[in-house]
């Protein structure tokens, strides 16, 4: 048994709390709107799981710093996104803030509504601390939730982050009724794009072909349970971005990630043609039809991916 504190009472945080609780662990949920203070919530925790939206991660890390967190406490981040100010991932923010604590990334094809319905799923817990990853694996593994470990937290985190941008593109593809051929081509060509960004940021190539990369990409691009997919689908139907986000009533991390990713790609010369069209579409610079045309009319090239290519 472990004492687990989940930070964030949204759908994903609640699902993670219930998964830990069903395994016989002692679990509590903390949220900014709740009655308990953060210091009390994490005081005796063996594992602290952060499941808040990307925009709140930096502030949360600062709050935790004043909560006198034990250095033995394992920090698990289940957030997917990039910080708009620094382009850091959530785990990098926690590593910078808590250099003495074990940091674990939890990422995979984990649509919260399916997990709440107790449908079978699998995920990855990734960390440079092998013992910490194994501990989280033990706490969360069950007959309905299979956990794999990985030594590549950067890759696991980026796979879950970058696929949100691609999910917007796939939503556009389906919204325009472009067919299965186009959808398959789009998802397939997204993989080398994700790989280029991942390699640039120090990730391992093979991670992107696992659950936290290809697995999460397939889950997010196939169906209406994905908020990012629904953003793209709505744009293809002519809806305005603000109206779509208001209808969702929750965060679609791919919107922010697209903006941050393009800033980074421009700065470092990383070719990201799909993400670039998504970014232009989100800004209202082009229409969905123009985005498709721009991708189809790109310069002809070999299929093989040059992971070190520059714009």
C-alpha atoms as a PDB file:
ATOM      1  CA  UNK A   1       0.000   0.000   0.000  1.00  0.00           C
ATOM      2  CA  UNK A   2       1.144   3.529  -0.788  1.00  0.00           C
ATOM      3  CA  UNK A   3      -0.137   6.911   0.298  1.00  0.00           C
ATOM      4  CA  UNK A   4      -1.062   8.674  -2.944  1.00  0.00           C
ATOM      5  CA  UNK A   5      -2.098  12.295  -3.365  1.00  0.00           C
ATOM      6  CA  UNK A   6      -3.554  13.289  -6.735  1.00  0.00           C
ATOM      7  CA  UNK A   7      -3.356  16.975  -7.588  1.00  0.00           C
ATOM      8  CA  UNK A   8      -6.255  17.905  -9.836  1.00  0.00           C
ATOM      9  CA  UNK A   9      -9.895  16.882  -9.560  1.00  0.00           C
ATOM     10  CA  UNK A  10     -10.756  16.869 -13.253  1.00  0.00           C
ATOM     11  CA  UNK A  11     -11.692  13.787 -15.251  1.00  0.00           C
ATOM     12  CA  UNK A  12      -8.089  12.560 -15.575  1.00  0.00           C
ATOM     13  CA  UNK A  13      -7.157  13.248 -11.958  1.00  0.00           C
ATOM     14  CA  UNK A  14     -10.298  11.528 -10.714  1.00  0.00           C
ATOM     15  CA  UNK A  15      -9.606   8.494 -12.930  1.00  0.00           C
ATOM     16  CA  UNK A  16      -6.049   8.212 -11.619  1.00  0.00           C
ATOM     17  CA  UNK A  17      -7.263   8.510  -8.041  1.00  0.00           C
ATOM     18  CA  UNK A  18      -9.809   5.731  -8.527  1.00  0.00           C
ATOM     19  CA  UNK A  19      -7.234   3.470 -10.181  1.00  0.00           C
ATOM     20  CA  UNK A  20      -4.893   3.835  -7.207  1.00  0.00           C
ATOM     21  CA  UNK A  21      -7.753   3.410  -4.742  1.00  0.00           C
ATOM     22  CA  UNK A  22      -8.987   0.211  -6.405  1.00  0.00           C
ATOM     23  CA  UNK A  23      -5.561  -1.301  -5.758  1.00  0.00           C
ATOM     24  CA  UNK A  24      -5.928  -0.790  -2.021  1.00  0.00           C
ATOM     25  CA  UNK A  25      -3.818   2.352  -1.718  1.00  0.00           C
ATOM     26  CA  UNK A  26      -4.610   5.268   0.573  1.00  0.00           C
ATOM     27  CA  UNK A  27      -5.684   8.076  -1.768  1.00  0.00           C
ATOM     28  CA  UNK A  28      -6.732  11.680  -1.479  1.00  0.00           C
ATOM     29  CA  UNK A  29      -7.469  14.289  -4.153  1.00  0.00           C
ATOM     30  CA  UNK A  30      -6.443  17.924  -3.866  1.00  0.00           C
ATOM     31  CA  UNK A  31      -7.722  20.788  -5.993  1.00  0.00           C
ATOM     32  CA  UNK A  32      -7.435  24.546  -5.741  1.00  0.00           C
ATOM     33  CA  UNK A  33     -11.157  24.791  -5.082  1.00  0.00           C
ATOM     34  CA  UNK A  34     -11.168  22.085  -2.424  1.00  0.00           C
ATOM     35  CA  UNK A  35     -11.214  22.547   1.338  1.00  0.00           C
ATOM     36  CA  UNK A  36      -7.770  21.074   2.134  1.00  0.00           C
ATOM     37  CA  UNK A  37      -4.531  23.023   1.826  1.00  0.00           C
ATOM     38  CA  UNK A  38      -1.706  21.718  -0.361  1.00  0.00           C
ATOM     39  CA  UNK A  39       0.831  21.333   2.422  1.00  0.00           C
ATOM     40  CA  UNK A  40      -1.458  19.028   4.409  1.00  0.00           C
ATOM     41  CA  UNK A  41      -2.412  17.056   1.296  1.00  0.00           C
ATOM     42  CA  UNK A  42       1.187  16.119   0.426  1.00  0.00           C
ATOM     43  CA  UNK A  43       2.689  15.990   3.925  1.00  0.00           C
ATOM     44  CA  UNK A  44       2.711  12.191   4.300  1.00  0.00           C
ATOM     45  CA  UNK A  45       2.433  11.199   0.627  1.00  0.00           C
ATOM     46  CA  UNK A  46       4.668   8.501  -0.821  1.00  0.00           C
ATOM     47  CA  UNK A  47       3.557   9.457  -4.320  1.00  0.00           C
ATOM     48  CA  UNK A  48       2.215  12.790  -5.571  1.00  0.00           C
ATOM     49  CA  UNK A  49       0.481  12.668  -8.952  1.00  0.00           C
ATOM     50  CA  UNK A  50       0.055  15.929 -10.876  1.00  0.00           C
ATOM     51  CA  UNK A  51      -2.933  15.786 -13.224  1.00  0.00           C
ATOM     52  CA  UNK A  52      -3.624  19.480 -13.764  1.00  0.00           C
ATOM     53  CA  UNK A  53      -3.662  21.382 -17.057  1.00  0.00           C
ATOM     54  CA  UNK A  54      -0.368  22.638 -18.488  1.00  0.00           C
ATOM     55  CA  UNK A  55      -1.077  26.280 -17.728  1.00  0.00           C
ATOM     56  CA  UNK A  56      -1.063  25.571 -13.986  1.00  0.00           C
ATOM     57  CA  UNK A  57       2.045  23.384 -13.712  1.00  0.00           C
ATOM     58  CA  UNK A  58       4.630  26.115 -13.033  1.00  0.00           C
ATOM     59  CA  UNK A  59       2.476  27.712 -10.336  1.00  0.00           C
ATOM     60  CA  UNK A  60       1.798  24.318  -8.769  1.00  0.00           C
ATOM     61  CA  UNK A  61       5.508  23.487  -8.662  1.00  0.00           C
ATOM     62  CA  UNK A  62       6.154  26.773  -6.864  1.00  0.00           C
ATOM     63  CA  UNK A  63       3.365  26.026  -4.383  1.00  0.00           C
ATOM     64  CA  UNK A  64       4.773  22.575  -3.715  1.00  0.00           C
ATOM     65  CA  UNK A  65       8.151  24.123  -3.012  1.00  0.00           C
ATOM     66  CA  UNK A  66       6.675  25.901   0.000  1.00  0.00           C
ATOM     67  CA  UNK A  67       4.929  22.725   1.177  1.00  0.00           C
ATOM     68  CA  UNK A  68       8.161  21.139   2.459  1.00  0.00           C
ATOM     69  CA  UNK A  69       7.800  18.039   0.264  1.00  0.00           C
ATOM     70  CA  UNK A  70       9.882  15.075   1.438  1.00  0.00           C
ATOM     71  CA  UNK A  71      12.787  14.225  -0.882  1.00  0.00           C
ATOM     72  CA  UNK A  72      11.674  10.592  -0.833  1.00  0.00           C
ATOM     73  CA  UNK A  73       8.271  11.483  -2.300  1.00  0.00           C
ATOM     74  CA  UNK A  74       7.895  10.360  -5.911  1.00  0.00           C
ATOM     75  CA  UNK A  75       6.483  13.067  -8.187  1.00  0.00           C
ATOM     76  CA  UNK A  76       4.415  11.688 -11.061  1.00  0.00           C
ATOM     77  CA  UNK A  77       3.370  14.016 -13.867  1.00  0.00           C
ATOM     78  CA  UNK A  78       0.380  12.993 -15.989  1.00  0.00           C
ATOM     79  CA  UNK A  79       0.077  16.323 -17.825  1.00  0.00           C
ATOM     80  CA  UNK A  80       0.711  16.653 -21.562  1.00  0.00           C
ATOM     81  CA  UNK A  81       1.876  20.006 -22.876  1.00  0.00           C
ATOM     82  CA  UNK A  82       4.642  22.590 -23.231  1.00  0.00           C
ATOM     83  CA  UNK A  83       5.103  25.654 -21.057  1.00  0.00           C
ATOM     84  CA  UNK A  84       4.408  28.749 -23.202  1.00  0.00           C
ATOM     85  CA  UNK A  85       7.068  30.827 -21.438  1.00  0.00           C
ATOM     86  CA  UNK A  86       9.981  28.378 -21.416  1.00  0.00           C
ATOM     87  CA  UNK A  87       8.941  25.498 -23.788  1.00  0.00           C
ATOM     88  CA  UNK A  88       9.675  23.119 -20.883  1.00  0.00           C
ATOM     89  CA  UNK A  89       7.717  19.918 -20.416  1.00  0.00           C
ATOM     90  CA  UNK A  90       5.979  19.312 -17.057  1.00  0.00           C
ATOM     91  CA  UNK A  91       8.638  16.825 -15.925  1.00  0.00           C
ATOM     92  CA  UNK A  92      11.393  19.345 -16.722  1.00  0.00           C
ATOM     93  CA  UNK A  93       9.601  21.926 -14.586  1.00  0.00           C
ATOM     94  CA  UNK A  94       9.381  19.463 -11.698  1.00  0.00           C
ATOM     95  CA  UNK A  95      13.012  18.352 -12.161  1.00  0.00           C
ATOM     96  CA  UNK A  96      14.201  21.947 -12.046  1.00  0.00           C
ATOM     97  CA  UNK A  97      12.114  22.662  -8.945  1.00  0.00           C
ATOM     98  CA  UNK A  98      12.749  19.382  -7.095  1.00  0.00           C
ATOM     99  CA  UNK A  99      16.216  18.129  -8.141  1.00  0.00           C
ATOM    100  CA  UNK A 100      16.382  15.683  -5.218  1.00  0.00           C
ATOM    101  CA  UNK A 101      13.000  13.989  -5.797  1.00  0.00           C
ATOM    102  CA  UNK A 102      12.355  11.071  -8.165  1.00  0.00           C
ATOM    103  CA  UNK A 103      10.329  12.282 -11.179  1.00  0.00           C
ATOM    104  CA  UNK A 104       8.124   9.873 -13.156  1.00  0.00           C
ATOM    105  CA  UNK A 105       6.150  10.537 -16.359  1.00  0.00           C
ATOM    106  CA  UNK A 106       2.849   8.677 -16.851  1.00  0.00           C
ATOM    107  CA  UNK A 107       1.766   8.727 -20.488  1.00  0.00           C
ATOM    108  CA  UNK A 108      -0.141   6.503 -22.880  1.00  0.00           C
ATOM    109  CA  UNK A 109      -3.396   5.951 -24.772  1.00  0.00           C
ATOM    110  CA  UNK A 110      -5.539   6.737 -21.743  1.00  0.00           C
ATOM    111  CA  UNK A 111      -8.851   8.381 -22.606  1.00  0.00           C
ATOM    112  CA  UNK A 112     -10.285   9.147 -19.182  1.00  0.00           C
ATOM    113  CA  UNK A 113     -13.895   8.278 -20.045  1.00  0.00           C
ATOM    114  CA  UNK A 114     -12.901   4.755 -21.078  1.00  0.00           C
ATOM    115  CA  UNK A 115     -10.837   4.291 -17.927  1.00  0.00           C
ATOM    116  CA  UNK A 116     -13.749   5.517 -15.819  1.00  0.00           C
ATOM    117  CA  UNK A 117     -15.886   2.893 -17.589  1.00  0.00           C
ATOM    118  CA  UNK A 118     -13.303   0.284 -16.480  1.00  0.00           C
ATOM    119  CA  UNK A 119     -12.356  -0.653 -20.020  1.00  0.00           C
ATOM    120  CA  UNK A 120      -8.898  -2.248 -20.346  1.00  0.00           C
ATOM    121  CA  UNK A 121      -5.995   0.095 -21.029  1.00  0.00           C
ATOM    122  CA  UNK A 122      -2.205   0.237 -20.882  1.00  0.00           C
ATOM    123  CA  UNK A 123       0.247   3.040 -20.209  1.00  0.00           C
ATOM    124  CA  UNK A 124       3.914   3.822 -19.630  1.00  0.00           C
ATOM    125  CA  UNK A 125       5.643   5.122 -16.508  1.00  0.00           C
ATOM    126  CA  UNK A 126       9.010   6.558 -17.525  1.00  0.00           C
ATOM    127  CA  UNK A 127      11.854   7.748 -15.341  1.00  0.00           C
ATOM    128  CA  UNK A 128      15.625   7.824 -15.100  1.00  0.00           C
ATOM    129  CA  UNK A 129      15.061   6.455 -11.566  1.00  0.00           C
ATOM    130  CA  UNK A 130      14.354   2.769 -12.177  1.00  0.00           C
ATOM    131  CA  UNK A 131      13.151   2.119  -8.625  1.00  0.00           C
ATOM    132  CA  UNK A 132      10.688   5.019  -8.724  1.00  0.00           C
ATOM    133  CA  UNK A 133       9.205   3.815 -12.018  1.00  0.00           C
ATOM    134  CA  UNK A 134       8.862   0.278 -10.617  1.00  0.00           C
ATOM    135  CA  UNK A 135       7.142   1.627  -7.496  1.00  0.00           C
ATOM    136  CA  UNK A 136       4.556   3.553  -9.522  1.00  0.00           C
ATOM    137  CA  UNK A 137       4.084   0.496 -11.734  1.00  0.00           C
ATOM    138  CA  UNK A 138       3.229  -1.601  -8.653  1.00  0.00           C
ATOM    139  CA  UNK A 139       0.844   0.999  -7.274  1.00  0.00           C
ATOM    140  CA  UNK A 140      -1.172   1.357 -10.489  1.00  0.00           C
ATOM    141  CA  UNK A 141      -0.998  -2.019 -12.257  1.00  0.00           C
ATOM    142  CA  UNK A 142      -4.215  -4.032 -12.239  1.00  0.00           C
ATOM    143  CA  UNK A 143      -6.217  -6.440 -14.385  1.00  0.00           C
ATOM    144  CA  UNK A 144      -7.733  -3.472 -16.221  1.00  0.00           C
ATOM    145  CA  UNK A 145      -4.732  -1.113 -16.305  1.00  0.00           C
ATOM    146  CA  UNK A 146      -1.433  -2.561 -17.525  1.00  0.00           C
ATOM    147  CA  UNK A 147       1.715  -0.548 -16.786  1.00  0.00           C
ATOM    148  CA  UNK A 148       5.029  -0.723 -18.647  1.00  0.00           C
ATOM    149  CA  UNK A 149       8.216   1.022 -17.503  1.00  0.00           C
ATOM    150  CA  UNK A 150      10.600   3.067 -19.642  1.00  0.00           C
ATOM    151  CA  UNK A 151      13.941   4.818 -19.012  1.00  0.00           C
ATOM    152  CA  UNK A 152      13.002   7.664 -21.397  1.00  0.00           C
ATOM    153  CA  UNK A 153      10.793  10.241 -19.654  1.00  0.00           C
ATOM    154  CA  UNK A 154      11.493  12.880 -22.310  1.00  0.00           C
ATOM    155  CA  UNK A 155      10.254  10.654 -25.130  1.00  0.00           C
ATOM    156  CA  UNK A 156       7.249   9.384 -23.196  1.00  0.00           C
ATOM    157  CA  UNK A 157       6.213  12.914 -22.346  1.00  0.00           C
ATOM    158  CA  UNK A 158       6.747  14.356 -25.826  1.00  0.00           C
ATOM    159  CA  UNK A 159       4.816  11.544 -27.496  1.00  0.00           C
ATOM    160  CA  UNK A 160       1.770  12.403 -25.413  1.00  0.00           C
ATOM    161  CA  UNK A 161       2.284  16.109 -25.977  1.00  0.00           C
ATOM    162  CA  UNK A 162       2.922  16.283 -29.718  1.00  0.00           C
ATOM    163  CA  UNK A 163       0.132  13.887 -30.682  1.00  0.00           C
ATOM    164  CA  UNK A 164      -2.403  16.459 -29.455  1.00  0.00           C
ATOM    165  CA  UNK A 165      -1.420  18.764 -32.334  1.00  0.00           C
ATOM    166  CA  UNK A 166      -1.733  15.896 -34.812  1.00  0.00           C
ATOM    167  CA  UNK A 167      -5.156  15.012 -33.383  1.00  0.00           C
ATOM    168  CA  UNK A 168      -6.375  18.481 -34.369  1.00  0.00           C
ATOM    169  CA  UNK A 169      -5.177  17.831 -37.920  1.00  0.00           C
ATOM    170  CA  UNK A 170      -6.903  14.442 -38.012  1.00  0.00           C
ATOM    171  CA  UNK A 171     -10.118  16.027 -36.735  1.00  0.00           C
ATOM    172  CA  UNK A 172      -9.936  18.423 -39.677  1.00  0.00           C
ATOM    173  CA  UNK A 173      -9.368  15.489 -42.040  1.00  0.00           C
ATOM    174  CA  UNK A 174     -12.465  13.679 -40.776  1.00  0.00           C
ATOM    175  CA  UNK A 175     -14.506  16.869 -40.602  1.00  0.00           C
ATOM    176  CA  UNK A 176     -13.804  17.505 -44.273  1.00  0.00           C
ATOM    177  CA  UNK A 177     -14.630  13.847 -45.067  1.00  0.00           C
ATOM    178  CA  UNK A 178     -11.324  13.322 -46.858  1.00  0.00           C
ATOM    179  CA  UNK A 179     -11.436   9.553 -46.434  1.00  0.00           C
ATOM    180  CA  UNK A 180      -9.374   6.751 -44.918  1.00  0.00           C
ATOM    181  CA  UNK A 181      -6.451   7.096 -47.335  1.00  0.00           C
ATOM    182  CA  UNK A 182      -5.860  10.705 -46.362  1.00  0.00           C
ATOM    183  CA  UNK A 183      -6.266   9.962 -42.664  1.00  0.00           C
ATOM    184  CA  UNK A 184      -3.792   7.063 -42.792  1.00  0.00           C
ATOM    185  CA  UNK A 185      -1.281   9.180 -44.707  1.00  0.00           C
ATOM    186  CA  UNK A 186      -1.622  12.053 -42.244  1.00  0.00           C
ATOM    187  CA  UNK A 187      -1.088   9.884 -39.160  1.00  0.00           C
ATOM    188  CA  UNK A 188       1.832   8.056 -40.763  1.00  0.00           C
ATOM    189  CA  UNK A 189       3.601  11.244 -41.829  1.00  0.00           C
ATOM    190  CA  UNK A 190       3.057  12.687 -38.359  1.00  0.00           C
ATOM    191  CA  UNK A 191       5.418  10.107 -36.858  1.00  0.00           C
ATOM    192  CA  UNK A 192       8.659  11.434 -38.446  1.00  0.00           C
ATOM    193  CA  UNK A 193       7.549  14.939 -37.521  1.00  0.00           C
ATOM    194  CA  UNK A 194       7.195  13.896 -33.883  1.00  0.00           C
ATOM    195  CA  UNK A 195      10.509  12.042 -34.086  1.00  0.00           C
ATOM    196  CA  UNK A 196      12.388  15.120 -35.302  1.00  0.00           C
ATOM    197  CA  UNK A 197      11.139  17.167 -32.369  1.00  0.00           C
ATOM    198  CA  UNK A 198      11.818  14.339 -29.931  1.00  0.00           C
ATOM    199  CA  UNK A 199      15.382  13.704 -31.092  1.00  0.00           C
ATOM    200  CA  UNK A 200      16.068  17.436 -30.944  1.00  0.00           C
ATOM    201  CA  UNK A 201      14.962  17.472 -27.299  1.00  0.00           C
ATOM    202  CA  UNK A 202      16.951  14.389 -26.326  1.00  0.00           C
ATOM    203  CA  UNK A 203      14.347  11.623 -26.585  1.00  0.00           C
ATOM    204  CA  UNK A 204      14.963   8.049 -27.755  1.00  0.00           C
ATOM    205  CA  UNK A 205      13.568   7.151 -31.181  1.00  0.00           C
ATOM    206  CA  UNK A 206      12.085   3.795 -30.132  1.00  0.00           C
ATOM    207  CA  UNK A 207       9.895   5.443 -27.486  1.00  0.00           C
ATOM    208  CA  UNK A 208       7.777   7.057 -30.201  1.00  0.00           C
ATOM    209  CA  UNK A 209       6.824   3.647 -31.561  1.00  0.00           C
ATOM    210  CA  UNK A 210       5.484   2.532 -28.176  1.00  0.00           C
ATOM    211  CA  UNK A 211       2.369   3.191 -26.125  1.00  0.00           C
ATOM    212  CA  UNK A 212       3.231   6.774 -25.231  1.00  0.00           C
ATOM    213  CA  UNK A 213       3.938   7.644 -28.863  1.00  0.00           C
ATOM    214  CA  UNK A 214       2.174   5.693 -31.594  1.00  0.00           C
ATOM    215  CA  UNK A 215      -0.308   4.187 -29.121  1.00  0.00           C
ATOM    216  CA  UNK A 216      -1.430   7.546 -27.771  1.00  0.00           C
ATOM    217  CA  UNK A 217      -1.490   8.991 -31.283  1.00  0.00           C
ATOM    218  CA  UNK A 218      -3.857   6.280 -32.532  1.00  0.00           C
ATOM    219  CA  UNK A 219      -6.199   6.595 -29.538  1.00  0.00           C
ATOM    220  CA  UNK A 220      -6.408  10.367 -29.773  1.00  0.00           C
ATOM    221  CA  UNK A 221      -6.926  10.398 -33.539  1.00  0.00           C
ATOM    222  CA  UNK A 222      -9.695   7.808 -33.619  1.00  0.00           C
ATOM    223  CA  UNK A 223     -12.969   8.979 -32.153  1.00  0.00           C
ATOM    224  CA  UNK A 224     -14.806  11.851 -30.518  1.00  0.00           C
ATOM    225  CA  UNK A 225     -13.541  11.270 -26.970  1.00  0.00           C
ATOM    226  CA  UNK A 226     -10.466  13.375 -27.752  1.00  0.00           C
ATOM    227  CA  UNK A 227     -10.909  17.086 -27.115  1.00  0.00           C
ATOM    228  CA  UNK A 228      -8.148  17.933 -29.594  1.00  0.00           C
ATOM    229  CA  UNK A 229      -9.778  15.853 -32.334  1.00  0.00           C
ATOM    230  CA  UNK A 230     -13.037  17.692 -31.682  1.00  0.00           C
ATOM    231  CA  UNK A 231     -11.261  21.039 -32.088  1.00  0.00           C
ATOM    232  CA  UNK A 232     -10.104  20.050 -35.559  1.00  0.00           C
ATOM    233  CA  UNK A 233     -13.481  18.572 -36.488  1.00  0.00           C
ATOM    234  CA  UNK A 234     -15.232  21.775 -35.430  1.00  0.00           C
ATOM    235  CA  UNK A 235     -12.841  23.957 -37.421  1.00  0.00           C
ATOM    236  CA  UNK A 236     -13.524  21.823 -40.498  1.00  0.00           C
ATOM    237  CA  UNK A 237     -17.231  22.531 -40.029  1.00  0.00           C
ATOM    238  CA  UNK A 238     -16.588  26.264 -40.075  1.00  0.00           C
ATOM    239  CA  UNK A 239     -16.913  26.897 -36.351  1.00  0.00           C
ATOM    240  CA  UNK A 240     -14.781  29.525 -34.630  1.00  0.00           C
ATOM    241  CA  UNK A 241     -12.057  28.312 -32.279  1.00  0.00           C
ATOM    242  CA  UNK A 242     -13.395  30.238 -29.277  1.00  0.00           C
ATOM    243  CA  UNK A 243     -16.855  28.734 -29.767  1.00  0.00           C
ATOM    244  CA  UNK A 244     -15.421  25.217 -30.030  1.00  0.00           C
ATOM    245  CA  UNK A 245     -13.399  25.626 -26.827  1.00  0.00           C
ATOM    246  CA  UNK A 246     -16.461  27.004 -25.045  1.00  0.00           C
ATOM    247  CA  UNK A 247     -18.492  23.961 -26.148  1.00  0.00           C
ATOM    248  CA  UNK A 248     -15.785  21.596 -24.865  1.00  0.00           C
ATOM    249  CA  UNK A 249     -15.848  23.167 -21.412  1.00  0.00           C
ATOM    250  CA  UNK A 250     -12.354  21.801 -20.748  1.00  0.00           C
ATOM    251  CA  UNK A 251      -8.787  22.216 -21.932  1.00  0.00           C
ATOM    252  CA  UNK A 252      -7.606  21.090 -25.362  1.00  0.00           C
ATOM    253  CA  UNK A 253      -3.848  21.067 -24.766  1.00  0.00           C
ATOM    254  CA  UNK A 254      -3.035  20.774 -28.473  1.00  0.00           C
ATOM    255  CA  UNK A 255      -4.028  24.404 -29.058  1.00  0.00           C
ATOM    256  CA  UNK A 256      -1.384  25.790 -26.709  1.00  0.00           C
ATOM    257  CA  UNK A 257       1.130  23.116 -27.726  1.00  0.00           C
ATOM    258  CA  UNK A 258       0.834  24.076 -31.398  1.00  0.00           C
ATOM    259  CA  UNK A 259       1.754  27.685 -30.656  1.00  0.00           C
ATOM    260  CA  UNK A 260       4.703  26.765 -28.408  1.00  0.00           C
ATOM    261  CA  UNK A 261       5.920  24.085 -30.822  1.00  0.00           C
ATOM    262  CA  UNK A 262       6.027  26.477 -33.769  1.00  0.00           C
ATOM    263  CA  UNK A 263       7.962  29.043 -31.725  1.00  0.00           C
ATOM    264  CA  UNK A 264      10.502  26.324 -30.911  1.00  0.00           C
ATOM    265  CA  UNK A 265      10.580  25.000 -34.494  1.00  0.00           C
ATOM    266  CA  UNK A 266      11.195  28.504 -35.845  1.00  0.00           C
ATOM    267  CA  UNK A 267      13.944  29.121 -33.324  1.00  0.00           C
ATOM    268  CA  UNK A 268      15.743  25.805 -33.860  1.00  0.00           C
ATOM    269  CA  UNK A 269      14.931  25.099 -37.503  1.00  0.00           C
ATOM    270  CA  UNK A 270      12.906  21.901 -36.984  1.00  0.00           C
ATOM    271  CA  UNK A 271      10.704  20.871 -39.961  1.00  0.00           C
ATOM    272  CA  UNK A 272       7.136  20.401 -38.670  1.00  0.00           C
ATOM    273  CA  UNK A 273       4.892  20.845 -41.750  1.00  0.00           C
ATOM    274  CA  UNK A 274       1.719  19.342 -40.242  1.00  0.00           C
ATOM    275  CA  UNK A 275       2.001  21.279 -36.990  1.00  0.00           C
ATOM    276  CA  UNK A 276       2.726  24.448 -38.961  1.00  0.00           C
ATOM    277  CA  UNK A 277      -0.535  24.153 -40.907  1.00  0.00           C
ATOM    278  CA  UNK A 278      -2.433  23.428 -37.682  1.00  0.00           C
ATOM    279  CA  UNK A 279      -0.880  26.522 -36.120  1.00  0.00           C
ATOM    280  CA  UNK A 280      -1.881  28.705 -39.073  1.00  0.00           C
ATOM    281  CA  UNK A 281      -5.391  27.260 -39.005  1.00  0.00           C
ATOM    282  CA  UNK A 282      -5.775  27.941 -35.274  1.00  0.00           C
ATOM    283  CA  UNK A 283      -4.689  31.539 -35.836  1.00  0.00           C
ATOM    284  CA  UNK A 284      -7.270  31.961 -38.589  1.00  0.00           C
ATOM    285  CA  UNK A 285      -4.617  32.640 -41.246  1.00  0.00           C
ATOM    286  CA  UNK A 286      -5.836  29.835 -43.537  1.00  0.00           C
ATOM    287  CA  UNK A 287      -8.963  27.748 -44.033  1.00  0.00           C
ATOM    288  CA  UNK A 288      -9.070  23.973 -43.433  1.00  0.00           C
ATOM    289  CA  UNK A 289      -9.154  23.421 -47.211  1.00  0.00           C
ATOM    290  CA  UNK A 290      -6.072  25.604 -47.678  1.00  0.00           C
ATOM    291  CA  UNK A 291      -4.236  23.670 -44.956  1.00  0.00           C
ATOM    292  CA  UNK A 292      -4.842  20.422 -46.854  1.00  0.00           C
ATOM    293  CA  UNK A 293      -3.733  21.975 -50.128  1.00  0.00           C
ATOM    294  CA  UNK A 294      -0.540  23.323 -48.579  1.00  0.00           C
ATOM    295  CA  UNK A 295       0.423  19.861 -47.339  1.00  0.00           C
ATOM    296  CA  UNK A 296      -0.393  18.131 -50.619  1.00  0.00           C
ATOM    297  CA  UNK A 297       1.581  20.663 -52.678  1.00  0.00           C
ATOM    298  CA  UNK A 298       4.827  20.460 -50.679  1.00  0.00           C
ATOM    299  CA  UNK A 299       8.081  19.723 -52.512  1.00  0.00           C
ATOM    300  CA  UNK A 300       8.422  16.056 -53.527  1.00  0.00           C
ATOM    301  CA  UNK A 301      10.885  14.061 -51.408  1.00  0.00           C
ATOM    302  CA  UNK A 302      11.827  10.520 -50.315  1.00  0.00           C
ATOM    303  CA  UNK A 303       9.715   8.904 -47.607  1.00  0.00           C
ATOM    304  CA  UNK A 304      12.742   8.160 -45.386  1.00  0.00           C
ATOM    305  CA  UNK A 305      12.931  10.575 -42.460  1.00  0.00           C
ATOM    306  CA  UNK A 306      16.026  12.694 -41.849  1.00  0.00           C
ATOM    307  CA  UNK A 307      15.833  13.133 -38.083  1.00  0.00           C
ATOM    308  CA  UNK A 308      18.437  15.922 -38.148  1.00  0.00           C
ATOM    309  CA  UNK A 309      16.844  17.854 -41.018  1.00  0.00           C
ATOM    310  CA  UNK A 310      16.573  21.623 -40.766  1.00  0.00           C
ATOM    311  CA  UNK A 311      13.999  23.917 -42.327  1.00  0.00           C
END
